[in-house]
Amino acid sequence: MGFHTFPVDRADGLRDPGRYRYCSREELLSALPTGTDATVADLGSGTGFYTDDVAPFVGTLSAVDVQQEMHEKYREHGVPENVDLVTAGVDSLPFADDELDGAFSTMTHHEYASEEAFAELARVVRPDGRLVTVDWDADGEGTDGPPTDERFSASAAADQLRTVGFSIEAVRERPETFFLVASR
């Protein structure tokens, strides 16, 4: 698999409400820990499309993106008060051990998938914490998303998380994407 990041010159497209066809706000929130004491991270937050949806339902939300330019685009739209912008890779998260009640990634698993990143997720998500992953399925139909040789299947993503101690609670495969909920 080749590592790449989403092109910043196409960042405005990340705020397209058409993205809800792949994952709705309600579907995402139903799998995440919520409440005023919940600490959550959006992995590969881009311009904050899903970050904005989750922020009203948690206490603290870290918008993590490896590209500072994505945070700059997010600032143009306005960042909620409980959102911290974090420039880091998933393989080197600046969180304490067991700091996060939950984390989620939407269409970015294929960008950060590595043993180091999965080990970091196991380190920072607390025991019984949740990780929600929505990504382009290697077995999916359609031409949206990255080339199929850069994608993972739902079963491959589940296996990657199991190797670092996550338990798989749910996997839903759809025509182009998968939705996976894991707990530590």
N, C-alpha and C. Protein backbone atom coordinates (compact mmCIF):
# COMPACT_ATOMS: atom_id res chain seq x y z
N MET A 1 0.84 -1.18 0.00
CA MET A 1 0.00 0.00 0.00
C MET A 1 0.89 1.24 0.00
N GLY A 2 0.50 2.20 -0.81
CA GLY A 2 1.25 3.45 -0.84
C GLY A 2 0.58 4.49 0.03
N PHE A 3 1.37 5.19 0.83
CA PHE A 3 0.82 6.23 1.67
C PHE A 3 0.62 7.49 0.85
N HIS A 4 -0.49 8.11 1.00
CA HIS A 4 -0.75 9.40 0.36
C HIS A 4 -1.67 10.19 1.27
N THR A 5 -1.78 11.46 1.00
CA THR A 5 -2.74 12.29 1.72
C THR A 5 -3.68 12.92 0.71
N PHE A 6 -4.82 13.34 1.19
CA PHE A 6 -5.80 13.97 0.32
C PHE A 6 -5.24 15.31 -0.16
N PRO A 7 -5.33 15.59 -1.45
CA PRO A 7 -4.78 16.84 -1.98
C PRO A 7 -5.47 18.08 -1.40
N VAL A 8 -4.70 18.99 -0.86
CA VAL A 8 -5.24 20.21 -0.26
C VAL A 8 -5.99 21.04 -1.30
N ASP A 9 -5.57 20.99 -2.56
CA ASP A 9 -6.26 21.78 -3.58
C ASP A 9 -7.68 21.26 -3.86
N ARG A 10 -8.04 20.09 -3.31
CA ARG A 10 -9.39 19.56 -3.44
C ARG A 10 -10.14 19.58 -2.10
N ALA A 11 -9.58 20.29 -1.12
CA ALA A 11 -10.12 20.28 0.24
C ALA A 11 -11.54 20.81 0.33
N ASP A 12 -11.92 21.75 -0.51
CA ASP A 12 -13.29 22.28 -0.43
C ASP A 12 -14.32 21.18 -0.67
N GLY A 13 -13.97 20.18 -1.43
CA GLY A 13 -14.88 19.06 -1.67
C GLY A 13 -15.14 18.23 -0.43
N LEU A 14 -14.29 18.34 0.58
CA LEU A 14 -14.49 17.59 1.81
C LEU A 14 -15.65 18.11 2.64
N ARG A 15 -16.17 19.28 2.30
CA ARG A 15 -17.32 19.83 3.02
C ARG A 15 -18.63 19.58 2.29
N ASP A 16 -18.61 18.74 1.29
CA ASP A 16 -19.79 18.42 0.48
C ASP A 16 -20.75 17.52 1.27
N PRO A 17 -21.99 17.97 1.50
CA PRO A 17 -22.96 17.15 2.23
C PRO A 17 -23.24 15.80 1.57
N GLY A 18 -22.85 15.63 0.32
CA GLY A 18 -22.99 14.34 -0.35
C GLY A 18 -22.21 13.23 0.35
N ARG A 19 -21.27 13.61 1.21
CA ARG A 19 -20.50 12.62 1.96
C ARG A 19 -21.38 11.81 2.92
N TYR A 20 -22.54 12.35 3.27
CA TYR A 20 -23.43 11.62 4.17
C TYR A 20 -23.95 10.32 3.57
N ARG A 21 -23.84 10.17 2.27
CA ARG A 21 -24.28 8.90 1.69
C ARG A 21 -23.37 7.75 2.12
N TYR A 22 -22.14 8.07 2.54
CA TYR A 22 -21.20 7.05 3.00
C TYR A 22 -21.24 6.85 4.51
N CYS A 23 -21.56 7.91 5.24
CA CYS A 23 -21.66 7.83 6.70
C CYS A 23 -22.45 9.03 7.18
N SER A 24 -23.56 8.77 7.83
CA SER A 24 -24.37 9.88 8.36
C SER A 24 -23.86 10.28 9.74
N ARG A 25 -24.22 11.46 10.12
CA ARG A 25 -23.88 11.93 11.47
C ARG A 25 -24.46 10.98 12.51
N GLU A 26 -25.69 10.55 12.33
CA GLU A 26 -26.36 9.69 13.30
C GLU A 26 -25.66 8.34 13.42
N GLU A 27 -25.24 7.78 12.28
CA GLU A 27 -24.55 6.49 12.31
C GLU A 27 -23.24 6.62 13.09
N LEU A 28 -22.51 7.68 12.83
CA LEU A 28 -21.24 7.91 13.51
C LEU A 28 -21.45 8.11 15.01
N LEU A 29 -22.37 8.98 15.37
CA LEU A 29 -22.63 9.26 16.78
C LEU A 29 -23.14 8.03 17.54
N SER A 30 -23.90 7.18 16.88
CA SER A 30 -24.44 6.00 17.56
C SER A 30 -23.35 5.04 18.01
N ALA A 31 -22.18 5.11 17.39
CA ALA A 31 -21.09 4.19 17.73
C ALA A 31 -20.03 4.81 18.64
N LEU A 32 -20.07 6.12 18.82
CA LEU A 32 -19.05 6.82 19.61
C LEU A 32 -19.51 7.08 21.04
N PRO A 33 -18.57 7.17 21.98
CA PRO A 33 -18.93 7.64 23.31
C PRO A 33 -19.28 9.13 23.22
N THR A 34 -20.35 9.52 23.86
CA THR A 34 -20.77 10.92 23.84
C THR A 34 -21.00 11.39 25.27
N GLY A 35 -21.22 12.67 25.43
CA GLY A 35 -21.45 13.27 26.74
C GLY A 35 -20.41 14.32 27.02
N THR A 36 -20.69 15.17 27.98
CA THR A 36 -19.81 16.30 28.27
C THR A 36 -18.45 15.90 28.81
N ASP A 37 -18.32 14.66 29.27
CA ASP A 37 -17.02 14.21 29.78
C ASP A 37 -16.26 13.35 28.76
N ALA A 38 -16.81 13.15 27.56
CA ALA A 38 -16.16 12.30 26.55
C ALA A 38 -15.04 13.06 25.83
N THR A 39 -13.90 12.39 25.72
CA THR A 39 -12.75 12.92 24.99
C THR A 39 -12.55 12.03 23.76
N VAL A 40 -12.66 12.66 22.59
CA VAL A 40 -12.67 11.92 21.32
C VAL A 40 -11.71 12.57 20.34
N ALA A 41 -11.20 11.78 19.39
CA ALA A 41 -10.33 12.31 18.34
C ALA A 41 -10.87 11.91 16.97
N ASP A 42 -10.81 12.85 16.04
CA ASP A 42 -11.13 12.62 14.63
C ASP A 42 -9.80 12.45 13.92
N LEU A 43 -9.54 11.26 13.42
CA LEU A 43 -8.26 10.92 12.80
C LEU A 43 -8.33 11.19 11.30
N GLY A 44 -7.58 12.18 10.85
CA GLY A 44 -7.67 12.59 9.46
C GLY A 44 -8.85 13.52 9.27
N SER A 45 -8.92 14.52 10.11
CA SER A 45 -10.09 15.40 10.19
C SER A 45 -10.29 16.30 8.98
N GLY A 46 -9.25 16.52 8.20
CA GLY A 46 -9.39 17.37 7.02
C GLY A 46 -9.92 18.75 7.39
N THR A 47 -10.97 19.17 6.70
CA THR A 47 -11.54 20.49 6.92
C THR A 47 -12.64 20.50 7.99
N GLY A 48 -12.78 19.40 8.72
CA GLY A 48 -13.68 19.37 9.87
C GLY A 48 -15.13 19.00 9.60
N PHE A 49 -15.42 18.41 8.46
CA PHE A 49 -16.80 18.06 8.11
C PHE A 49 -17.46 17.22 9.20
N TYR A 50 -16.88 16.07 9.53
CA TYR A 50 -17.45 15.22 10.58
C TYR A 50 -17.09 15.72 11.98
N THR A 51 -15.99 16.41 12.12
CA THR A 51 -15.63 16.99 13.41
C THR A 51 -16.75 17.91 13.90
N ASP A 52 -17.24 18.76 12.99
CA ASP A 52 -18.33 19.68 13.34
C ASP A 52 -19.58 18.93 13.78
N ASP A 53 -19.82 17.76 13.19
CA ASP A 53 -21.02 16.98 13.54
C ASP A 53 -20.91 16.35 14.93
N VAL A 54 -19.71 15.93 15.29
CA VAL A 54 -19.51 15.24 16.57
C VAL A 54 -19.31 16.22 17.72
N ALA A 55 -18.69 17.36 17.47
CA ALA A 55 -18.32 18.31 18.52
C ALA A 55 -19.45 18.66 19.50
N PRO A 56 -20.68 18.91 19.06
CA PRO A 56 -21.72 19.27 20.03
C PRO A 56 -22.09 18.16 21.02
N PHE A 57 -21.63 16.94 20.75
CA PHE A 57 -22.05 15.80 21.55
C PHE A 57 -20.96 15.24 22.45
N VAL A 58 -19.78 15.89 22.48
CA VAL A 58 -18.68 15.42 23.32
C VAL A 58 -18.09 16.61 24.08
N GLY A 59 -17.29 16.30 25.09
CA GLY A 59 -16.66 17.37 25.87
C GLY A 59 -15.48 17.97 25.15
N THR A 60 -14.56 17.13 24.70
CA THR A 60 -13.36 17.58 24.01
C THR A 60 -13.17 16.74 22.76
N LEU A 61 -12.86 17.40 21.67
CA LEU A 61 -12.64 16.70 20.40
C LEU A 61 -11.35 17.22 19.78
N SER A 62 -10.44 16.31 19.51
CA SER A 62 -9.18 16.67 18.84
C SER A 62 -9.32 16.34 17.35
N ALA A 63 -9.14 17.36 16.53
CA ALA A 63 -9.16 17.19 15.07
C ALA A 63 -7.72 16.95 14.65
N VAL A 64 -7.40 15.70 14.34
CA VAL A 64 -6.02 15.30 14.02
C VAL A 64 -5.86 15.20 12.51
N ASP A 65 -4.91 15.93 11.98
CA ASP A 65 -4.58 15.81 10.56
C ASP A 65 -3.08 16.01 10.38
N VAL A 66 -2.51 15.28 9.47
CA VAL A 66 -1.08 15.38 9.22
C VAL A 66 -0.73 16.63 8.41
N GLN A 67 -1.73 17.24 7.78
CA GLN A 67 -1.50 18.42 6.95
C GLN A 67 -1.98 19.70 7.64
N GLN A 68 -1.06 20.55 7.97
CA GLN A 68 -1.39 21.84 8.58
C GLN A 68 -2.33 22.65 7.68
N GLU A 69 -2.17 22.51 6.38
CA GLU A 69 -3.02 23.24 5.43
C GLU A 69 -4.50 22.88 5.59
N MET A 70 -4.78 21.65 5.99
CA MET A 70 -6.18 21.26 6.23
C MET A 70 -6.74 22.02 7.43
N HIS A 71 -5.93 22.20 8.45
CA HIS A 71 -6.38 22.97 9.61
C HIS A 71 -6.64 24.43 9.21
N GLU A 72 -5.80 24.96 8.35
CA GLU A 72 -6.01 26.34 7.89
C GLU A 72 -7.34 26.46 7.16
N LYS A 73 -7.66 25.47 6.32
CA LYS A 73 -8.97 25.47 5.62
C LYS A 73 -10.11 25.35 6.64
N TYR A 74 -9.91 24.52 7.67
CA TYR A 74 -10.93 24.35 8.70
C TYR A 74 -11.17 25.68 9.42
N ARG A 75 -10.12 26.39 9.76
CA ARG A 75 -10.26 27.68 10.45
C ARG A 75 -11.11 28.66 9.64
N GLU A 76 -11.03 28.60 8.33
CA GLU A 76 -11.82 29.48 7.46
C GLU A 76 -13.31 29.29 7.68
N HIS A 77 -13.72 28.08 8.06
CA HIS A 77 -15.14 27.77 8.28
C HIS A 77 -15.56 28.00 9.72
N GLY A 78 -14.58 28.15 10.63
CA GLY A 78 -14.88 28.31 12.05
C GLY A 78 -14.77 26.99 12.78
N VAL A 79 -13.97 26.97 13.82
CA VAL A 79 -13.72 25.77 14.62
C VAL A 79 -14.48 25.89 15.94
N PRO A 80 -15.31 24.89 16.30
CA PRO A 80 -16.02 24.95 17.58
C PRO A 80 -15.06 25.09 18.76
N GLU A 81 -15.54 25.70 19.84
CA GLU A 81 -14.70 25.97 21.01
C GLU A 81 -14.11 24.72 21.65
N ASN A 82 -14.81 23.60 21.59
CA ASN A 82 -14.31 22.38 22.25
C ASN A 82 -13.44 21.52 21.33
N VAL A 83 -13.05 22.06 20.18
CA VAL A 83 -12.21 21.34 19.23
C VAL A 83 -10.78 21.88 19.27
N ASP A 84 -9.83 20.97 19.45
CA ASP A 84 -8.41 21.31 19.39
C ASP A 84 -7.87 20.80 18.06
N LEU A 85 -7.14 21.66 17.34
CA LEU A 85 -6.52 21.25 16.09
C LEU A 85 -5.15 20.66 16.40
N VAL A 86 -4.92 19.44 15.97
CA VAL A 86 -3.68 18.72 16.26
C VAL A 86 -3.04 18.30 14.94
N THR A 87 -1.85 18.79 14.68
CA THR A 87 -1.12 18.39 13.48
C THR A 87 -0.18 17.25 13.86
N ALA A 88 -0.55 16.05 13.42
CA ALA A 88 0.23 14.85 13.75
C ALA A 88 -0.23 13.71 12.86
N GLY A 89 0.64 12.73 12.72
CA GLY A 89 0.25 11.50 12.08
C GLY A 89 -0.36 10.56 13.10
N VAL A 90 -1.16 9.62 12.64
CA VAL A 90 -1.77 8.66 13.55
C VAL A 90 -0.69 7.76 14.16
N ASP A 91 0.45 7.66 13.52
CA ASP A 91 1.54 6.85 14.07
C ASP A 91 2.33 7.56 15.16
N SER A 92 2.00 8.81 15.46
CA SER A 92 2.71 9.55 16.53
C SER A 92 1.75 10.55 17.18
N LEU A 93 0.73 10.03 17.81
CA LEU A 93 -0.30 10.88 18.42
C LEU A 93 0.20 11.50 19.72
N PRO A 94 -0.07 12.79 19.92
CA PRO A 94 0.42 13.49 21.11
C PRO A 94 -0.53 13.39 22.31
N PHE A 95 -1.05 12.20 22.54
CA PHE A 95 -1.97 11.97 23.65
C PHE A 95 -1.32 11.04 24.67
N ALA A 96 -1.75 11.18 25.92
CA ALA A 96 -1.27 10.29 26.98
C ALA A 96 -1.87 8.90 26.79
N ASP A 97 -1.27 7.93 27.42
CA ASP A 97 -1.81 6.57 27.40
C ASP A 97 -3.24 6.61 27.94
N ASP A 98 -4.15 5.90 27.25
CA ASP A 98 -5.55 5.77 27.67
C ASP A 98 -6.29 7.10 27.78
N GLU A 99 -5.86 8.12 27.07
CA GLU A 99 -6.48 9.45 27.17
C GLU A 99 -7.84 9.54 26.49
N LEU A 100 -8.03 8.80 25.40
CA LEU A 100 -9.23 8.96 24.59
C LEU A 100 -10.32 7.96 24.97
N ASP A 101 -11.54 8.47 25.09
CA ASP A 101 -12.70 7.59 25.26
C ASP A 101 -13.09 6.98 23.92
N GLY A 102 -12.74 7.68 22.85
CA GLY A 102 -13.06 7.18 21.53
C GLY A 102 -12.30 7.93 20.45
N ALA A 103 -12.29 7.33 19.28
CA ALA A 103 -11.67 7.95 18.11
C ALA A 103 -12.43 7.46 16.88
N PHE A 104 -12.37 8.26 15.83
CA PHE A 104 -13.01 7.85 14.59
C PHE A 104 -12.22 8.34 13.40
N SER A 105 -12.37 7.60 12.31
CA SER A 105 -11.77 8.03 11.05
C SER A 105 -12.78 7.77 9.94
N THR A 106 -12.95 8.75 9.10
CA THR A 106 -13.86 8.63 7.97
C THR A 106 -13.05 8.81 6.69
N MET A 107 -12.94 7.74 5.96
CA MET A 107 -12.27 7.69 4.65
C MET A 107 -10.77 7.99 4.74
N THR A 108 -10.15 7.64 5.88
CA THR A 108 -8.71 7.88 6.02
C THR A 108 -7.92 6.66 6.49
N HIS A 109 -8.57 5.58 6.86
CA HIS A 109 -7.85 4.39 7.33
C HIS A 109 -6.77 3.98 6.34
N HIS A 110 -7.10 3.99 5.07
CA HIS A 110 -6.13 3.58 4.04
C HIS A 110 -4.93 4.51 3.97
N GLU A 111 -5.06 5.73 4.48
CA GLU A 111 -3.95 6.69 4.45
C GLU A 111 -2.95 6.47 5.58
N TYR A 112 -3.41 5.97 6.72
CA TYR A 112 -2.50 5.84 7.86
C TYR A 112 -2.22 4.40 8.27
N ALA A 113 -2.82 3.44 7.60
CA ALA A 113 -2.70 2.03 8.00
C ALA A 113 -1.25 1.56 8.07
N SER A 114 -0.79 1.32 9.30
CA SER A 114 0.55 0.79 9.54
C SER A 114 0.58 0.19 10.93
N GLU A 115 1.53 -0.69 11.17
CA GLU A 115 1.66 -1.29 12.50
C GLU A 115 1.86 -0.21 13.56
N GLU A 116 2.64 0.83 13.22
CA GLU A 116 2.90 1.90 14.18
C GLU A 116 1.62 2.67 14.53
N ALA A 117 0.81 2.94 13.52
CA ALA A 117 -0.44 3.68 13.76
C ALA A 117 -1.40 2.85 14.61
N PHE A 118 -1.51 1.56 14.33
CA PHE A 118 -2.43 0.74 15.10
C PHE A 118 -1.95 0.59 16.55
N ALA A 119 -0.64 0.51 16.74
CA ALA A 119 -0.09 0.45 18.09
C ALA A 119 -0.38 1.76 18.84
N GLU A 120 -0.29 2.89 18.15
CA GLU A 120 -0.60 4.18 18.78
C GLU A 120 -2.07 4.24 19.18
N LEU A 121 -2.95 3.76 18.32
CA LEU A 121 -4.37 3.77 18.66
C LEU A 121 -4.64 2.91 19.89
N ALA A 122 -3.99 1.75 19.96
CA ALA A 122 -4.16 0.89 21.13
C ALA A 122 -3.61 1.56 22.39
N ARG A 123 -2.61 2.40 22.23
CA ARG A 123 -2.01 3.09 23.38
C ARG A 123 -2.91 4.21 23.89
N VAL A 124 -3.52 4.99 22.99
CA VAL A 124 -4.23 6.20 23.41
C VAL A 124 -5.72 5.99 23.68
N VAL A 125 -6.33 4.95 23.12
CA VAL A 125 -7.74 4.67 23.39
C VAL A 125 -7.80 3.85 24.68
N ARG A 126 -8.54 4.33 25.65
CA ARG A 126 -8.61 3.69 26.97
C ARG A 126 -9.27 2.31 26.87
N PRO A 127 -9.04 1.45 27.87
CA PRO A 127 -9.76 0.18 27.90
C PRO A 127 -11.28 0.45 27.86
N ASP A 128 -11.96 -0.31 27.09
CA ASP A 128 -13.40 -0.16 26.82
C ASP A 128 -13.72 1.05 25.94
N GLY A 129 -12.70 1.78 25.48
CA GLY A 129 -12.92 2.88 24.55
C GLY A 129 -13.23 2.34 23.17
N ARG A 130 -13.77 3.20 22.32
CA ARG A 130 -14.20 2.75 20.99
C ARG A 130 -13.44 3.45 19.87
N LEU A 131 -13.22 2.68 18.82
CA LEU A 131 -12.65 3.19 17.58
C LEU A 131 -13.63 2.88 16.46
N VAL A 132 -14.06 3.92 15.76
CA VAL A 132 -15.00 3.77 14.65
C VAL A 132 -14.25 4.09 13.36
N THR A 133 -14.32 3.17 12.42
CA THR A 133 -13.62 3.32 11.15
C THR A 133 -14.60 3.18 10.00
N VAL A 134 -14.66 4.22 9.16
CA VAL A 134 -15.44 4.16 7.93
C VAL A 134 -14.44 4.43 6.81
N ASP A 135 -14.37 3.52 5.84
CA ASP A 135 -13.40 3.72 4.77
C ASP A 135 -13.88 3.04 3.50
N TRP A 136 -13.19 3.38 2.44
CA TRP A 136 -13.45 2.78 1.13
C TRP A 136 -13.07 1.30 1.20
N ASP A 137 -13.96 0.44 0.75
CA ASP A 137 -13.75 -1.00 0.83
C ASP A 137 -13.02 -1.50 -0.41
N ALA A 138 -11.97 -2.29 -0.20
CA ALA A 138 -11.23 -2.88 -1.33
C ALA A 138 -12.13 -3.74 -2.19
N ASP A 139 -13.19 -4.28 -1.58
CA ASP A 139 -14.14 -5.11 -2.31
C ASP A 139 -15.32 -4.30 -2.83
N GLY A 140 -15.27 -2.98 -2.66
CA GLY A 140 -16.40 -2.13 -3.02
C GLY A 140 -16.54 -1.89 -4.51
N GLU A 141 -17.72 -1.46 -4.86
CA GLU A 141 -18.02 -1.11 -6.24
C GLU A 141 -17.85 0.40 -6.40
N GLY A 142 -17.87 0.87 -7.59
CA GLY A 142 -17.84 2.31 -7.84
C GLY A 142 -16.45 2.85 -8.05
N THR A 143 -16.41 4.10 -8.47
CA THR A 143 -15.13 4.73 -8.79
C THR A 143 -14.76 5.84 -7.82
N ASP A 144 -15.60 6.12 -6.82
CA ASP A 144 -15.24 7.13 -5.83
C ASP A 144 -14.12 6.61 -4.95
N GLY A 145 -13.37 7.51 -4.35
CA GLY A 145 -12.31 7.12 -3.44
C GLY A 145 -11.01 6.77 -4.16
N PRO A 146 -10.06 6.27 -3.39
CA PRO A 146 -8.74 5.95 -3.95
C PRO A 146 -8.80 4.69 -4.82
N PRO A 147 -7.75 4.44 -5.58
CA PRO A 147 -7.71 3.19 -6.36
C PRO A 147 -7.88 1.97 -5.44
N THR A 148 -8.48 0.93 -5.94
CA THR A 148 -8.76 -0.24 -5.10
C THR A 148 -7.50 -0.88 -4.53
N ASP A 149 -6.37 -0.74 -5.19
CA ASP A 149 -5.14 -1.34 -4.65
C ASP A 149 -4.58 -0.56 -3.46
N GLU A 150 -5.17 0.59 -3.14
CA GLU A 150 -4.77 1.36 -1.95
C GLU A 150 -5.76 1.19 -0.80
N ARG A 151 -6.79 0.39 -1.01
CA ARG A 151 -7.83 0.20 -0.01
C ARG A 151 -7.63 -1.11 0.74
N PHE A 152 -8.35 -1.23 1.84
CA PHE A 152 -8.38 -2.46 2.62
C PHE A 152 -9.82 -2.96 2.64
N SER A 153 -9.99 -4.25 2.73
CA SER A 153 -11.32 -4.81 2.92
C SER A 153 -11.71 -4.65 4.38
N ALA A 154 -12.99 -4.80 4.66
CA ALA A 154 -13.45 -4.71 6.05
C ALA A 154 -12.78 -5.78 6.90
N SER A 155 -12.65 -6.98 6.37
CA SER A 155 -12.03 -8.06 7.16
C SER A 155 -10.55 -7.78 7.40
N ALA A 156 -9.84 -7.21 6.43
CA ALA A 156 -8.43 -6.86 6.62
C ALA A 156 -8.28 -5.78 7.68
N ALA A 157 -9.14 -4.76 7.64
CA ALA A 157 -9.08 -3.69 8.65
C ALA A 157 -9.38 -4.25 10.04
N ALA A 158 -10.34 -5.15 10.13
CA ALA A 158 -10.66 -5.77 11.42
C ALA A 158 -9.47 -6.57 11.93
N ASP A 159 -8.82 -7.33 11.06
CA ASP A 159 -7.64 -8.10 11.46
C ASP A 159 -6.51 -7.19 11.95
N GLN A 160 -6.32 -6.06 11.27
CA GLN A 160 -5.27 -5.11 11.67
C GLN A 160 -5.50 -4.63 13.10
N LEU A 161 -6.75 -4.34 13.44
CA LEU A 161 -7.07 -3.85 14.78
C LEU A 161 -7.01 -4.95 15.82
N ARG A 162 -7.40 -6.16 15.44
CA ARG A 162 -7.31 -7.28 16.39
C ARG A 162 -5.86 -7.54 16.81
N THR A 163 -4.91 -7.34 15.90
CA THR A 163 -3.51 -7.64 16.21
C THR A 163 -2.96 -6.77 17.32
N VAL A 164 -3.60 -5.61 17.59
CA VAL A 164 -3.13 -4.73 18.66
C VAL A 164 -4.09 -4.71 19.86
N GLY A 165 -5.00 -5.68 19.91
CA GLY A 165 -5.83 -5.84 21.09
C GLY A 165 -7.24 -5.29 21.03
N PHE A 166 -7.67 -4.81 19.88
CA PHE A 166 -9.05 -4.35 19.77
C PHE A 166 -9.97 -5.55 19.53
N SER A 167 -11.19 -5.46 20.04
CA SER A 167 -12.25 -6.43 19.75
C SER A 167 -13.19 -5.79 18.75
N ILE A 168 -13.64 -6.54 17.81
CA ILE A 168 -14.55 -6.01 16.79
C ILE A 168 -15.98 -6.20 17.26
N GLU A 169 -16.69 -5.09 17.39
CA GLU A 169 -18.09 -5.11 17.86
C GLU A 169 -19.07 -5.20 16.70
N ALA A 170 -18.74 -4.53 15.59
CA ALA A 170 -19.66 -4.52 14.45
C ALA A 170 -18.89 -4.23 13.17
N VAL A 171 -19.32 -4.86 12.10
CA VAL A 171 -18.78 -4.58 10.77
C VAL A 171 -19.97 -4.56 9.82
N ARG A 172 -20.10 -3.46 9.10
CA ARG A 172 -21.15 -3.36 8.08
C ARG A 172 -20.48 -3.03 6.75
N GLU A 173 -20.70 -3.90 5.78
CA GLU A 173 -20.17 -3.64 4.44
C GLU A 173 -21.29 -3.07 3.59
N ARG A 174 -20.95 -2.04 2.85
CA ARG A 174 -21.92 -1.39 1.99
C ARG A 174 -21.40 -1.46 0.55
N PRO A 175 -22.08 -0.90 -0.43
CA PRO A 175 -21.62 -1.01 -1.81
C PRO A 175 -20.19 -0.50 -2.06
N GLU A 176 -19.80 0.61 -1.41
CA GLU A 176 -18.47 1.16 -1.65
C GLU A 176 -17.60 1.26 -0.41
N THR A 177 -18.20 1.21 0.76
CA THR A 177 -17.47 1.45 2.00
C THR A 177 -17.77 0.38 3.03
N PHE A 178 -17.02 0.42 4.12
CA PHE A 178 -17.35 -0.40 5.29
C PHE A 178 -17.40 0.50 6.51
N PHE A 179 -18.13 0.04 7.52
CA PHE A 179 -18.30 0.72 8.80
C PHE A 179 -17.91 -0.29 9.86
N LEU A 180 -16.89 0.02 10.64
CA LEU A 180 -16.35 -0.92 11.62
C LEU A 180 -16.29 -0.25 12.99
N VAL A 181 -16.76 -0.95 13.99
CA VAL A 181 -16.69 -0.47 15.38
C VAL A 181 -15.86 -1.46 16.17
N ALA A 182 -14.80 -0.95 16.80
CA ALA A 182 -13.91 -1.78 17.61
C ALA A 182 -13.81 -1.18 19.00
N SER A 183 -13.57 -2.04 19.99
CA SER A 183 -13.34 -1.56 21.34
C SER A 183 -12.04 -2.16 21.85
N ARG A 184 -11.44 -1.45 22.77
CA ARG A 184 -10.18 -1.91 23.32
C ARG A 184 -10.42 -2.58 24.65
